[in-house]
Amino acid sequence: EFYRHADEVVKMLEFKANKKYYQYLQIESEQRQEQLRNQNEVLHDYVCELETEFSEVMQLIHANRAKKEVMLTKLAGLLDRTMYRHLDKTAPGAGRPALTRGQDEDEDER
């Protein structure tokens, strides 16, 4: 009778210990999940800021490349007009006709 009763007490204590252990694990798991959720929010905000910054930098790069092309074209035209005449927008056949000396003088008289 004593051993049976002692065995029941030990089983009850073991059950309570297991219950507390699993409650502790649940609390720890919930805390970790909350911590990960908070870290994820911060990381997401940071990634959004990086994407915005990256887009701005890429736009600046493309704008600067376009400026570079224009500047190189102008520089090439200044250095060697005969070779790069086709790139000059004011050259004959490249958009608007170039004025001859006689046409230029006629416009000044008007």
C-alpha atoms as a PDB file:
ATOM      1  CA  GLU A   1       0.000   0.000   0.000  1.00  0.00           C
ATOM      2  CA  PHE A   2       2.801   2.461   0.911  1.00  0.00           C
ATOM      3  CA  TYR A   3       4.723   1.773  -2.307  1.00  0.00           C
ATOM      4  CA  ARG A   4       1.613   2.144  -4.428  1.00  0.00           C
ATOM      5  CA  HIS A   5       0.841   5.448  -2.759  1.00  0.00           C
ATOM      6  CA  ALA A   6       4.480   6.597  -3.106  1.00  0.00           C
ATOM      7  CA  ASP A   7       4.416   5.598  -6.775  1.00  0.00           C
ATOM      8  CA  GLU A   8       1.288   7.733  -7.354  1.00  0.00           C
ATOM      9  CA  VAL A   9       2.925  10.723  -5.617  1.00  0.00           C
ATOM     10  CA  VAL A  10       6.062  10.324  -7.745  1.00  0.00           C
ATOM     11  CA  LYS A  11       3.937  10.107 -10.912  1.00  0.00           C
ATOM     12  CA  MET A  12       2.027  13.247  -9.917  1.00  0.00           C
ATOM     13  CA  LEU A  13       5.281  15.106  -9.230  1.00  0.00           C
ATOM     14  CA  GLU A  14       6.682  13.896 -12.539  1.00  0.00           C
ATOM     15  CA  PHE A  15       3.520  15.054 -14.321  1.00  0.00           C
ATOM     16  CA  LYS A  16       3.747  18.502 -12.672  1.00  0.00           C
ATOM     17  CA  ALA A  17       7.442  18.764 -13.543  1.00  0.00           C
ATOM     18  CA  ASN A  18       6.735  17.859 -17.178  1.00  0.00           C
ATOM     19  CA  LYS A  19       3.873  20.345 -17.255  1.00  0.00           C
ATOM     20  CA  LYS A  20       6.113  23.162 -15.941  1.00  0.00           C
ATOM     21  CA  TYR A  21       8.895  22.173 -18.336  1.00  0.00           C
ATOM     22  CA  TYR A  22       6.588  22.315 -21.361  1.00  0.00           C
ATOM     23  CA  GLN A  23       5.052  25.593 -20.180  1.00  0.00           C
ATOM     24  CA  TYR A  24       8.563  27.033 -19.929  1.00  0.00           C
ATOM     25  CA  LEU A  25       9.354  25.752 -23.432  1.00  0.00           C
ATOM     26  CA  GLN A  26       6.163  27.333 -24.763  1.00  0.00           C
ATOM     27  CA  ILE A  27       6.980  30.697 -23.153  1.00  0.00           C
ATOM     28  CA  GLU A  28      10.549  30.556 -24.467  1.00  0.00           C
ATOM     29  CA  SER A  29       9.282  29.649 -27.947  1.00  0.00           C
ATOM     30  CA  GLU A  30       6.785  32.535 -27.940  1.00  0.00           C
ATOM     31  CA  GLN A  31       9.511  34.960 -26.841  1.00  0.00           C
ATOM     32  CA  ARG A  32      11.799  33.768 -29.637  1.00  0.00           C
ATOM     33  CA  GLN A  33       9.004  34.076 -32.177  1.00  0.00           C
ATOM     34  CA  GLU A  34       8.293  37.638 -31.018  1.00  0.00           C
ATOM     35  CA  GLN A  35      11.988  38.489 -31.173  1.00  0.00           C
ATOM     36  CA  LEU A  36      12.243  37.056 -34.695  1.00  0.00           C
ATOM     37  CA  ARG A  37       9.091  38.920 -35.722  1.00  0.00           C
ATOM     38  CA  ASN A  38      10.592  42.204 -34.466  1.00  0.00           C
ATOM     39  CA  GLN A  39      13.908  41.507 -36.198  1.00  0.00           C
ATOM     40  CA  ASN A  40      12.037  40.671 -39.393  1.00  0.00           C
ATOM     41  CA  GLU A  41      10.166  44.002 -39.268  1.00  0.00           C
ATOM     42  CA  VAL A  42      13.408  45.925 -38.798  1.00  0.00           C
ATOM     43  CA  LEU A  43      15.103  43.965 -41.572  1.00  0.00           C
ATOM     44  CA  HIS A  44      12.146  44.536 -43.897  1.00  0.00           C
ATOM     45  CA  ASP A  45      12.235  48.305 -43.270  1.00  0.00           C
ATOM     46  CA  TYR A  46      15.980  48.311 -43.898  1.00  0.00           C
ATOM     47  CA  VAL A  47      15.579  46.377 -47.157  1.00  0.00           C
ATOM     48  CA  CYS A  48      12.891  48.826 -48.316  1.00  0.00           C
ATOM     49  CA  GLU A  49      15.224  51.744 -47.596  1.00  0.00           C
ATOM     50  CA  LEU A  50      18.039  49.986 -49.453  1.00  0.00           C
ATOM     51  CA  GLU A  51      15.790  49.363 -52.458  1.00  0.00           C
ATOM     52  CA  THR A  52      14.829  53.039 -52.547  1.00  0.00           C
ATOM     53  CA  GLU A  53      18.447  54.125 -52.230  1.00  0.00           C
ATOM     54  CA  PHE A  54      19.508  51.612 -54.890  1.00  0.00           C
ATOM     55  CA  SER A  55      16.863  52.917 -57.301  1.00  0.00           C
ATOM     56  CA  GLU A  56      18.049  56.482 -56.771  1.00  0.00           C
ATOM     57  CA  VAL A  57      21.669  55.477 -57.317  1.00  0.00           C
ATOM     58  CA  MET A  58      20.793  53.553 -60.487  1.00  0.00           C
ATOM     59  CA  GLN A  59      18.843  56.541 -61.848  1.00  0.00           C
ATOM     60  CA  LEU A  60      21.828  58.761 -61.138  1.00  0.00           C
ATOM     61  CA  ILE A  61      24.148  56.275 -62.863  1.00  0.00           C
ATOM     62  CA  HIS A  62      21.940  56.181 -65.969  1.00  0.00           C
ATOM     63  CA  ALA A  63      21.654  59.970 -66.024  1.00  0.00           C
ATOM     64  CA  ASN A  64      25.415  60.321 -65.689  1.00  0.00           C
ATOM     65  CA  ARG A  65      25.996  57.771 -68.465  1.00  0.00           C
ATOM     66  CA  ALA A  66      23.712  59.753 -70.749  1.00  0.00           C
ATOM     67  CA  LYS A  67      25.557  62.969 -69.873  1.00  0.00           C
ATOM     68  CA  LYS A  68      28.858  61.216 -70.498  1.00  0.00           C
ATOM     69  CA  GLU A  69      27.733  60.082 -73.945  1.00  0.00           C
ATOM     70  CA  VAL A  70      26.633  63.599 -74.852  1.00  0.00           C
ATOM     71  CA  MET A  71      29.880  65.084 -73.580  1.00  0.00           C
ATOM     72  CA  LEU A  72      32.015  62.490 -75.384  1.00  0.00           C
ATOM     73  CA  THR A  73      30.102  63.093 -78.592  1.00  0.00           C
ATOM     74  CA  LYS A  74      30.621  66.845 -78.304  1.00  0.00           C
ATOM     75  CA  LEU A  75      34.284  66.390 -77.427  1.00  0.00           C
ATOM     76  CA  ALA A  76      34.823  64.005 -80.326  1.00  0.00           C
ATOM     77  CA  GLY A  77      33.146  66.479 -82.640  1.00  0.00           C
ATOM     78  CA  LEU A  78      35.412  69.257 -81.429  1.00  0.00           C
ATOM     79  CA  LEU A  79      38.526  67.148 -81.838  1.00  0.00           C
ATOM     80  CA  ASP A  80      37.813  65.694 -85.272  1.00  0.00           C
ATOM     81  CA  ARG A  81      34.914  67.350 -87.083  1.00  0.00           C
ATOM     82  CA  THR A  82      35.321  65.388 -90.306  1.00  0.00           C
ATOM     83  CA  MET A  83      35.199  61.950 -88.711  1.00  0.00           C
ATOM     84  CA  TYR A  84      32.317  62.681 -86.310  1.00  0.00           C
ATOM     85  CA  ARG A  85      30.234  64.953 -88.569  1.00  0.00           C
ATOM     86  CA  HIS A  86      27.406  62.388 -88.670  1.00  0.00           C
ATOM     87  CA  LEU A  87      26.909  62.843 -84.904  1.00  0.00           C
ATOM     88  CA  ASP A  88      26.569  66.622 -85.119  1.00  0.00           C
ATOM     89  CA  LYS A  89      22.882  67.523 -85.070  1.00  0.00           C
ATOM     90  CA  THR A  90      23.547  70.825 -86.843  1.00  0.00           C
ATOM     91  CA  ALA A  91      25.478  69.185 -89.685  1.00  0.00           C
ATOM     92  CA  PRO A  92      23.789  68.929 -93.117  1.00  0.00           C
ATOM     93  CA  GLY A  93      21.485  65.929 -93.308  1.00  0.00           C
ATOM     94  CA  ALA A  94      21.449  65.444 -89.532  1.00  0.00           C
ATOM     95  CA  GLY A  95      18.185  67.044 -88.557  1.00  0.00           C
ATOM     96  CA  ARG A  96      18.218  70.616 -89.890  1.00  0.00           C
ATOM     97  CA  PRO A  97      20.237  71.920 -92.785  1.00  0.00           C
ATOM     98  CA  ALA A  98      23.278  74.004 -92.072  1.00  0.00           C
ATOM     99  CA  LEU A  99      23.104  77.573 -93.261  1.00  0.00           C
ATOM    100  CA  THR A 100      25.450  78.746 -95.954  1.00  0.00           C
ATOM    101  CA  ARG A 101      27.145  82.076 -95.715  1.00  0.00           C
ATOM    102  CA  GLY A 102      24.696  83.689 -98.132  1.00  0.00           C
ATOM    103  CA  GLN A 103      21.632  82.430 -96.251  1.00  0.00           C
ATOM    104  CA  ASP A 104      23.064  83.651 -92.982  1.00  0.00           C
ATOM    105  CA  GLU A 105      23.530  87.161 -94.366  1.00  0.00           C
ATOM    106  CA  ASP A 106      19.996  87.205 -95.821  1.00  0.00           C
ATOM    107  CA  GLU A 107      18.497  86.429 -92.417  1.00  0.00           C
ATOM    108  CA  ASP A 108      20.510  89.225 -90.781  1.00  0.00           C
ATOM    109  CA  GLU A 109      19.052  91.751 -93.253  1.00  0.00           C
ATOM    110  CA  ARG A 110      15.445  90.825 -92.347  1.00  0.00           C
END
